[in-house]
């Protein structure tokens, strides 16, 4: 084995390929073939693409199916605290040993083929799911869909969550262009579920592949009442359901799409009871999606980093108003629409604590502050070198009844959680 520890493997992978992002399936397909793998996997595959709601949809679907008694593998990215979070079996992260063994198999099979960090992870996840003989694997697309490593594997059901502008340098600068990339996960004559009204490009791709498309508010509906809700399509009804245990009205949109996926699984001999759905909704957990940590000063962690996510965040902050002020700790990657995000959030935040993110993609606090100035008064900003310093400054300013919102990136939320854990 090339390396003995997971950290050694990951450090090496970060420098193996000439670039962090390299869309395309040729290299990963070559390595998978050398591993004697097939694009058609020995378990049911659900692939999830979209701009917002992917992580929530994975968590909701996994929780419901696990409560129904099935063995579920999930592959998600990025992680927050531990790489192992990316590859889970029944909500439990894979062990270092399992991942290292999978990496070794991939390394031996690849020969001189160079793989990215994400491609290694994708192959390792599927390798582990095969070894663990899961019933269903839920694969979250990293970016886009058509050329994403996850798309090497044929999906049985595609789920496309809400689409908005993000990664425009890679995916395009309109919803139609981005929709075309997301629609790439659809496979011939296999269904696709859209948890919103998608761009026309998604409809066109589904039609070309003779794949049935199920659209929110058209092919499946939600009826809300105080404390509960109903879901229905042409063939089934799920009544008196609890609201998802994830914060935000938009989580109902994600849950509705997930229930449509479940309705399509049932003809494939997967039985999911109303009880399993209720338990799955009540007990779903997901770190960093409007995650509230209550106290004299409430802490809110949210990985929001694009326009639609910012709109959702504003709505949530309004739904749960603070007694005092809202302080934001923000750090973002350099390919994000800072001015657009801050314009949406500017009236919801009293003071901004601006920080730098490390790494090639991280934005410096000075550059971030310069972009924030388009919609945020300079006097409402304090600049720090890193998230830890910004977070501590925000806490020093806050008094009982105030709240501190940490957002802008998975990396920003990770830093705040690590600081929290130090104090325990």
Protein backbone atom coordinates (compact mmCIF):
# COMPACT_ATOMS: atom_id res chain seq x y z
CA UNK A 1 0.00 0.00 0.00
CA UNK A 2 1.36 3.41 -1.01
CA UNK A 3 0.32 5.05 2.30
CA UNK A 4 -0.79 3.74 5.68
CA UNK A 5 -3.00 6.60 6.89
CA UNK A 6 -5.99 8.41 5.43
CA UNK A 7 -4.38 11.82 5.91
CA UNK A 8 -1.35 10.71 3.86
CA UNK A 9 -3.57 9.46 1.06
CA UNK A 10 -5.54 12.71 0.98
CA UNK A 11 -2.47 14.96 1.02
CA UNK A 12 -1.05 13.02 -1.92
CA UNK A 13 -4.33 13.17 -3.87
CA UNK A 14 -4.47 16.94 -3.52
CA UNK A 15 -1.30 17.24 -5.63
CA UNK A 16 -1.65 14.22 -7.93
CA UNK A 17 -3.65 15.91 -10.69
CA UNK A 18 -2.60 19.16 -12.33
CA UNK A 19 -5.87 20.91 -11.39
CA UNK A 20 -8.44 20.54 -8.62
CA UNK A 21 -11.41 20.53 -11.02
CA UNK A 22 -11.19 18.69 -14.34
CA UNK A 23 -14.65 17.80 -15.71
CA UNK A 24 -14.91 14.73 -17.90
CA UNK A 25 -15.50 11.00 -17.57
CA UNK A 26 -12.78 9.42 -19.74
CA UNK A 27 -10.08 9.07 -17.09
CA UNK A 28 -12.32 7.87 -14.29
CA UNK A 29 -14.08 5.46 -16.67
CA UNK A 30 -10.73 3.98 -17.66
CA UNK A 31 -9.76 3.37 -14.04
CA UNK A 32 -13.15 1.94 -13.12
CA UNK A 33 -12.92 -0.47 -16.04
CA UNK A 34 -9.50 -1.58 -14.79
CA UNK A 35 -11.15 -2.26 -11.45
CA UNK A 36 -13.46 -4.60 -13.39
CA UNK A 37 -16.34 -2.30 -12.67
CA UNK A 38 -19.46 -1.63 -14.74
CA UNK A 39 -21.40 1.58 -15.26
CA UNK A 40 -24.45 -0.42 -14.15
CA UNK A 41 -24.08 -1.14 -10.45
CA UNK A 42 -25.44 -4.13 -8.48
CA UNK A 43 -27.75 -1.92 -6.42
CA UNK A 44 -30.32 0.77 -7.08
CA UNK A 45 -28.77 4.17 -7.77
CA UNK A 46 -30.38 7.54 -7.12
CA UNK A 47 -28.37 10.49 -8.39
CA UNK A 48 -29.08 14.00 -7.10
CA UNK A 49 -28.02 17.17 -8.91
CA UNK A 50 -29.00 20.81 -8.47
CA UNK A 51 -27.75 24.12 -7.11
CA UNK A 52 -29.54 24.20 -3.75
CA UNK A 53 -31.15 21.47 -1.71
CA UNK A 54 -28.93 18.56 -2.76
CA UNK A 55 -27.56 17.86 0.70
CA UNK A 56 -30.98 18.24 2.33
CA UNK A 57 -32.56 15.92 -0.24
CA UNK A 58 -29.87 13.28 0.32
CA UNK A 59 -30.41 13.49 4.09
CA UNK A 60 -34.20 13.28 3.83
CA UNK A 61 -34.16 10.38 1.39
CA UNK A 62 -31.55 8.46 3.39
CA UNK A 63 -33.40 8.95 6.67
CA UNK A 64 -36.73 7.72 5.28
CA UNK A 65 -35.27 4.71 3.46
CA UNK A 66 -33.17 3.73 6.48
CA UNK A 67 -36.25 3.88 8.70
CA UNK A 68 -37.94 1.63 6.12
CA UNK A 69 -35.30 -0.99 6.86
CA UNK A 70 -33.03 -0.69 3.83
CA UNK A 71 -29.24 -0.56 3.79
CA UNK A 72 -28.40 2.83 2.33
CA UNK A 73 -25.09 4.19 1.06
CA UNK A 74 -24.69 7.94 0.67
CA UNK A 75 -21.94 9.81 -1.14
CA UNK A 76 -21.87 13.56 -0.54
CA UNK A 77 -19.43 16.45 -0.75
CA UNK A 78 -17.79 18.46 0.55
CA UNK A 79 -17.36 17.26 4.11
CA UNK A 80 -17.38 19.59 7.10
CA UNK A 81 -15.25 18.03 9.85
CA UNK A 82 -14.12 14.65 8.56
CA UNK A 83 -13.47 13.25 5.09
CA UNK A 84 -15.24 10.05 6.19
CA UNK A 85 -18.55 12.00 6.22
CA UNK A 86 -18.54 11.77 2.42
CA UNK A 87 -19.06 8.00 2.38
CA UNK A 88 -21.69 6.65 4.78
CA UNK A 89 -23.57 3.39 5.27
CA UNK A 90 -26.84 3.87 7.16
CA UNK A 91 -25.67 7.30 8.33
CA UNK A 92 -22.38 5.95 9.74
CA UNK A 93 -19.17 7.22 8.09
CA UNK A 94 -16.87 4.66 6.50
CA UNK A 95 -13.79 3.84 8.55
CA UNK A 96 -10.28 5.02 7.69
CA UNK A 97 -9.36 1.39 6.97
CA UNK A 98 -12.21 0.90 4.49
CA UNK A 99 -11.36 4.10 2.66
CA UNK A 100 -7.61 3.43 2.59
CA UNK A 101 -8.19 -0.08 1.22
CA UNK A 102 -10.44 1.35 -1.50
CA UNK A 103 -7.82 3.99 -2.34
CA UNK A 104 -5.19 1.29 -2.63
CA UNK A 105 -7.35 -0.73 -5.05
CA UNK A 106 -7.89 2.39 -7.16
CA UNK A 107 -4.20 3.31 -7.09
CA UNK A 108 -3.16 -0.16 -8.27
CA UNK A 109 -5.74 -0.13 -11.05
CA UNK A 110 -5.11 3.37 -12.40
CA UNK A 111 -1.59 2.79 -13.72
CA UNK A 112 -0.40 6.13 -15.06
CA UNK A 113 -3.88 7.66 -15.21
CA UNK A 114 -4.10 10.81 -13.09
CA UNK A 115 -7.23 11.34 -10.99
CA UNK A 116 -8.54 14.34 -9.07
CA UNK A 117 -9.29 14.32 -5.34
CA UNK A 118 -13.02 14.11 -6.12
CA UNK A 119 -12.59 11.29 -8.62
CA UNK A 120 -10.69 9.21 -6.07
CA UNK A 121 -13.50 9.81 -3.57
CA UNK A 122 -16.22 8.85 -6.05
CA UNK A 123 -14.59 5.56 -6.99
CA UNK A 124 -13.85 4.77 -3.34
CA UNK A 125 -17.48 5.37 -2.37
CA UNK A 126 -18.88 3.06 -5.02
CA UNK A 127 -16.23 0.44 -4.27
CA UNK A 128 -17.24 0.47 -0.58
CA UNK A 129 -20.96 0.36 -1.43
CA UNK A 130 -20.33 -2.75 -3.52
CA UNK A 131 -18.37 -4.42 -0.73
CA UNK A 132 -21.03 -3.53 1.83
CA UNK A 133 -23.82 -4.79 -0.49
CA UNK A 134 -26.08 -1.79 0.01
CA UNK A 135 -29.66 -1.89 -1.24
CA UNK A 136 -29.66 1.68 -2.52
CA UNK A 137 -26.89 4.21 -3.13
CA UNK A 138 -27.66 7.92 -3.12
CA UNK A 139 -24.99 9.80 -5.07
CA UNK A 140 -24.74 13.60 -4.81
CA UNK A 141 -23.23 15.34 -7.81
CA UNK A 142 -20.26 17.51 -6.92
CA UNK A 143 -20.68 20.16 -9.62
CA UNK A 144 -22.95 20.26 -12.64
CA UNK A 145 -23.91 16.75 -13.65
CA UNK A 146 -23.12 15.88 -17.25
CA UNK A 147 -19.34 15.73 -16.77
CA UNK A 148 -19.26 15.11 -13.02
CA UNK A 149 -17.49 11.93 -11.86
CA UNK A 150 -20.71 10.65 -10.26
CA UNK A 151 -22.29 10.56 -13.70
CA UNK A 152 -20.04 7.65 -14.68
CA UNK A 153 -22.64 5.42 -13.04
CA UNK A 154 -26.06 4.91 -14.59
CA UNK A 155 -28.80 6.19 -12.34
CA UNK A 156 -32.14 4.46 -11.88
CA UNK A 157 -33.85 7.65 -10.72
CA UNK A 158 -32.53 11.19 -11.15
CA UNK A 159 -33.54 13.97 -8.77
CA UNK A 160 -32.86 17.57 -9.79
CA UNK A 161 -33.25 20.11 -7.00
CA UNK A 162 -33.72 23.89 -7.54
CA UNK A 163 -31.35 25.40 -10.09
CA UNK A 164 -29.82 28.87 -9.82
CA UNK A 165 -26.59 30.60 -10.81
CA UNK A 166 -23.44 29.10 -9.30
CA UNK A 167 -20.11 27.87 -10.71
CA UNK A 168 -20.86 30.00 -13.77
CA UNK A 169 -17.28 29.73 -15.06
CA UNK A 170 -17.78 25.99 -15.42
CA UNK A 171 -21.52 25.57 -15.99
CA UNK A 172 -22.67 28.71 -17.78
CA UNK A 173 -24.23 32.04 -16.87
CA UNK A 174 -27.94 31.27 -17.37
CA UNK A 175 -30.38 28.80 -15.83
CA UNK A 176 -30.83 27.21 -19.24
CA UNK A 177 -27.13 26.49 -19.62
CA UNK A 178 -26.82 25.25 -16.05
CA UNK A 179 -29.97 23.17 -16.47
CA UNK A 180 -28.40 21.47 -19.49
CA UNK A 181 -25.44 20.41 -17.35
CA UNK A 182 -27.65 19.19 -14.47
CA UNK A 183 -29.86 17.24 -16.88
CA UNK A 184 -26.84 15.20 -17.90
CA UNK A 185 -27.56 12.80 -15.02
CA UNK A 186 -30.78 11.59 -16.69
CA UNK A 187 -30.45 8.14 -18.26
CA UNK A 188 -32.35 6.52 -21.13
CA UNK A 189 -35.96 5.67 -20.21
CA UNK A 190 -35.36 6.20 -16.50
CA UNK A 191 -37.42 8.79 -14.59
CA UNK A 192 -36.32 12.21 -13.41
CA UNK A 193 -37.91 14.15 -10.56
CA UNK A 194 -37.68 17.96 -10.44
CA UNK A 195 -38.46 19.60 -7.09
CA UNK A 196 -39.21 22.89 -8.85
CA UNK A 197 -40.23 23.98 -12.35
CA UNK A 198 -36.92 23.35 -14.17
CA UNK A 199 -35.38 25.20 -17.13
CA UNK A 200 -36.57 24.16 -20.58
CA UNK A 201 -33.23 22.48 -21.22
CA UNK A 202 -34.09 19.83 -18.60
CA UNK A 203 -37.42 19.06 -20.29
CA UNK A 204 -35.72 18.79 -23.67
CA UNK A 205 -33.08 16.36 -22.37
CA UNK A 206 -35.66 14.15 -20.69
CA UNK A 207 -37.74 14.09 -23.87
CA UNK A 208 -34.74 13.16 -26.01
CA UNK A 209 -34.01 10.20 -23.72
CA UNK A 210 -37.65 9.08 -23.51
CA UNK A 211 -37.47 9.60 -19.75
CA UNK A 212 -40.57 10.48 -17.75
CA UNK A 213 -40.23 13.81 -15.96
CA UNK A 214 -42.14 14.47 -12.74
CA UNK A 215 -42.44 18.14 -11.83
CA UNK A 216 -43.36 19.72 -8.49
CA UNK A 217 -46.85 21.30 -8.33
CA UNK A 218 -47.78 19.54 -11.54
CA UNK A 219 -47.17 15.81 -11.14
CA UNK A 220 -47.00 15.81 -7.34
CA UNK A 221 -48.49 18.27 -4.88
CA UNK A 222 -48.27 19.45 -1.30
CA UNK A 223 -51.08 20.70 0.93
CA UNK A 224 -50.02 22.44 4.12
CA UNK A 225 -51.86 22.73 7.42
CA UNK A 226 -50.89 23.88 10.89
CA UNK A 227 -48.33 21.40 12.17
CA UNK A 228 -48.60 18.87 9.35
CA UNK A 229 -48.86 18.43 5.59
CA UNK A 230 -50.13 16.06 2.88
CA UNK A 231 -48.37 14.84 -0.23
CA UNK A 232 -50.01 13.31 -3.29
CA UNK A 233 -49.50 12.32 -6.92
CA UNK A 234 -51.78 10.55 -9.39
CA UNK A 235 -51.19 7.15 -7.78
CA UNK A 236 -50.69 7.72 -4.05
CA UNK A 237 -51.32 9.95 -1.05
CA UNK A 238 -49.26 10.42 2.09
CA UNK A 239 -51.37 12.21 4.69
CA UNK A 240 -50.80 13.92 8.04
CA UNK A 241 -47.02 14.08 7.72
CA UNK A 242 -44.79 15.95 10.20
CA UNK A 243 -42.71 18.80 8.87
CA UNK A 244 -39.07 17.89 8.23
CA UNK A 245 -36.73 18.34 11.22
CA UNK A 246 -34.62 20.66 9.05
CA UNK A 247 -35.25 24.39 9.44
CA UNK A 248 -36.89 26.33 6.64
CA UNK A 249 -40.10 26.37 4.67
CA UNK A 250 -38.16 25.39 1.54
CA UNK A 251 -37.38 22.01 3.13
CA UNK A 252 -40.96 21.06 2.31
CA UNK A 253 -40.06 21.50 -1.36
CA UNK A 254 -37.10 19.16 -0.90
CA UNK A 255 -39.23 16.64 1.01
CA UNK A 256 -41.90 16.65 -1.69
CA UNK A 257 -39.36 15.79 -4.37
CA UNK A 258 -37.96 13.02 -2.17
CA UNK A 259 -41.43 11.49 -1.69
CA UNK A 260 -41.88 11.42 -5.46
CA UNK A 261 -38.59 9.53 -5.74
CA UNK A 262 -39.87 7.08 -3.14
CA UNK A 263 -43.09 6.59 -5.09
CA UNK A 264 -40.97 5.64 -8.11
CA UNK A 265 -38.90 3.21 -6.03
CA UNK A 266 -41.93 1.22 -4.93
CA UNK A 267 -42.51 -0.47 -8.33
CA UNK A 268 -38.88 -1.65 -7.98
CA UNK A 269 -39.94 -3.74 -4.94
CA UNK A 270 -39.08 -1.18 -2.28
CA UNK A 271 -41.89 -0.83 0.20
CA UNK A 272 -41.89 2.36 2.27
CA UNK A 273 -44.62 2.76 4.88
CA UNK A 274 -46.19 5.98 6.11
CA UNK A 275 -44.58 5.22 9.47
CA UNK A 276 -41.10 5.11 7.90
CA UNK A 277 -41.75 8.41 6.15
CA UNK A 278 -42.91 10.08 9.36
CA UNK A 279 -39.96 8.75 11.34
CA UNK A 280 -37.52 9.73 8.58
CA UNK A 281 -38.88 13.27 8.44
CA UNK A 282 -38.85 13.67 12.23
CA UNK A 283 -35.31 12.38 12.76
CA UNK A 284 -33.41 13.72 9.75
CA UNK A 285 -30.18 15.56 10.62
CA UNK A 286 -27.84 17.68 8.52
CA UNK A 287 -24.93 19.75 9.78
CA UNK A 288 -24.59 23.33 8.59
CA UNK A 289 -27.99 23.91 7.01
CA UNK A 290 -29.48 26.65 9.17
CA UNK A 291 -28.24 24.69 12.14
CA UNK A 292 -29.22 26.48 15.34
CA UNK A 293 -27.23 26.21 18.56
CA UNK A 294 -29.30 27.88 21.26
CA UNK A 295 -27.90 29.90 24.14
CA UNK A 296 -27.86 33.43 25.52
CA UNK A 297 -26.35 34.27 22.14
CA UNK A 298 -27.77 31.96 19.48
CA UNK A 299 -25.35 30.54 16.92
CA UNK A 300 -26.62 29.79 13.39
CA UNK A 301 -24.46 27.80 10.97
CA UNK A 302 -25.34 27.86 7.29
CA UNK A 303 -23.21 26.89 4.29
CA UNK A 304 -25.11 29.31 2.00
CA UNK A 305 -22.91 30.75 -0.75
CA UNK A 306 -25.13 31.57 -3.75
CA UNK A 307 -28.10 33.77 -4.63
CA UNK A 308 -30.92 31.28 -4.08
CA UNK A 309 -29.35 30.14 -0.83
CA UNK A 310 -29.16 33.76 0.33
CA UNK A 311 -32.87 34.26 -0.43
CA UNK A 312 -33.70 31.15 1.59
CA UNK A 313 -31.52 32.41 4.44
CA UNK A 314 -33.24 35.81 4.51
CA UNK A 315 -36.63 34.09 4.75
CA UNK A 316 -35.44 31.91 7.63
CA UNK A 317 -33.97 34.83 9.55
CA UNK A 318 -37.31 36.64 9.17
CA UNK A 319 -39.27 33.58 10.32
CA UNK A 320 -37.19 33.38 13.51
CA UNK A 321 -36.40 37.00 14.44
CA UNK A 322 -33.75 37.77 17.03
CA UNK A 323 -34.54 39.75 20.16
CA UNK A 324 -31.37 41.74 19.58
CA UNK A 325 -28.93 42.15 16.73
CA UNK A 326 -27.73 39.74 14.05
CA UNK A 327 -23.97 39.57 13.56
CA UNK A 328 -22.59 37.74 10.53
CA UNK A 329 -19.26 35.96 10.29
CA UNK A 330 -18.60 35.54 6.59
CA UNK A 331 -15.82 34.01 4.48
CA UNK A 332 -16.22 32.83 0.91
CA UNK A 333 -14.44 31.22 -2.02
CA UNK A 334 -13.19 33.46 -4.80
CA UNK A 335 -15.61 32.20 -7.48
CA UNK A 336 -18.76 33.24 -5.59
CA UNK A 337 -21.10 36.16 -6.30
CA UNK A 338 -20.29 38.12 -3.15
CA UNK A 339 -22.02 41.33 -4.19
CA UNK A 340 -25.20 39.47 -5.17
CA UNK A 341 -25.33 37.45 -1.96
CA UNK A 342 -24.60 40.44 0.27
CA UNK A 343 -27.20 42.62 -1.48
CA UNK A 344 -29.86 40.04 -0.59
CA UNK A 345 -28.70 39.72 3.03
CA UNK A 346 -27.71 43.33 3.74
CA UNK A 347 -30.94 44.36 5.51
CA UNK A 348 -30.98 41.22 7.67
CA UNK A 349 -27.54 41.73 9.21
CA UNK A 350 -26.47 44.48 11.61
CA UNK A 351 -22.70 43.98 11.49
CA UNK A 352 -20.37 41.93 9.30
CA UNK A 353 -17.23 40.19 10.56
CA UNK A 354 -15.24 39.48 7.43
CA UNK A 355 -12.62 36.74 7.28
CA UNK A 356 -10.19 35.12 4.86
CA UNK A 357 -10.32 31.49 3.71
CA UNK A 358 -7.11 29.56 3.16
CA UNK A 359 -6.25 27.65 -0.02
CA UNK A 360 -6.04 28.49 -3.70
CA UNK A 361 -9.80 29.07 -3.95
CA UNK A 362 -10.13 31.05 -0.74
CA UNK A 363 -10.90 34.77 -0.92
CA UNK A 364 -8.91 37.18 1.24
CA UNK A 365 -10.81 39.26 3.79
CA UNK A 366 -9.72 42.49 2.10
CA UNK A 367 -11.02 41.36 -1.30
CA UNK A 368 -14.23 40.12 0.29
CA UNK A 369 -14.73 43.41 2.13
CA UNK A 370 -14.16 45.34 -1.10
CA UNK A 371 -16.98 43.43 -2.80
CA UNK A 372 -19.24 43.72 0.23
CA UNK A 373 -18.92 47.52 0.07
CA UNK A 374 -21.29 47.53 -2.93
CA UNK A 375 -24.19 46.82 -0.57
CA UNK A 376 -22.80 47.04 2.98
CA UNK A 377 -21.61 50.19 4.74
CA UNK A 378 -17.91 50.04 5.58
CA UNK A 379 -18.67 51.11 9.14
CA UNK A 380 -20.73 47.92 9.55
CA UNK A 381 -17.70 45.72 8.77
CA UNK A 382 -14.75 44.45 10.80
CA UNK A 383 -11.98 42.64 8.92
CA UNK A 384 -10.04 39.68 10.33
CA UNK A 385 -7.31 37.40 9.03
CA UNK A 386 -9.23 34.18 9.63
CA UNK A 387 -12.61 32.77 10.64
CA UNK A 388 -11.54 32.06 14.22
CA UNK A 389 -10.61 35.71 14.82
CA UNK A 390 -13.79 36.97 13.15
CA UNK A 391 -15.92 34.54 15.14
CA UNK A 392 -14.37 35.57 18.45
CA UNK A 393 -14.86 39.26 17.59
CA UNK A 394 -18.53 38.63 16.83
CA UNK A 395 -19.00 36.83 20.15
CA UNK A 396 -17.30 39.70 21.97
CA UNK A 397 -19.75 42.16 20.43
CA UNK A 398 -22.83 40.05 21.11
CA UNK A 399 -24.97 40.33 24.24
CA UNK A 400 -27.89 38.24 25.46
CA UNK A 401 -30.62 38.15 22.81
CA UNK A 402 -28.24 38.69 19.90
CA UNK A 403 -27.37 35.98 17.39
CA UNK A 404 -24.24 35.15 15.41
CA UNK A 405 -24.72 33.82 11.88
CA UNK A 406 -21.76 31.98 10.32
CA UNK A 407 -22.11 31.52 6.56
CA UNK A 408 -20.48 31.72 3.13
CA UNK A 409 -18.85 28.30 2.66
CA UNK A 410 -18.54 24.79 4.05
CA UNK A 411 -15.04 25.85 5.15
CA UNK A 412 -16.45 28.79 7.13
CA UNK A 413 -18.91 26.58 8.97
CA UNK A 414 -16.20 23.96 9.59
CA UNK A 415 -13.99 26.55 11.28
CA UNK A 416 -16.82 27.70 13.55
CA UNK A 417 -17.70 24.13 14.57
CA UNK A 418 -14.10 23.39 15.42
CA UNK A 419 -13.97 26.49 17.62
CA UNK A 420 -17.21 25.40 19.32
CA UNK A 421 -15.83 21.92 19.93
CA UNK A 422 -12.64 23.34 21.50
CA UNK A 423 -14.74 25.02 24.15
CA UNK A 424 -16.55 21.83 25.18
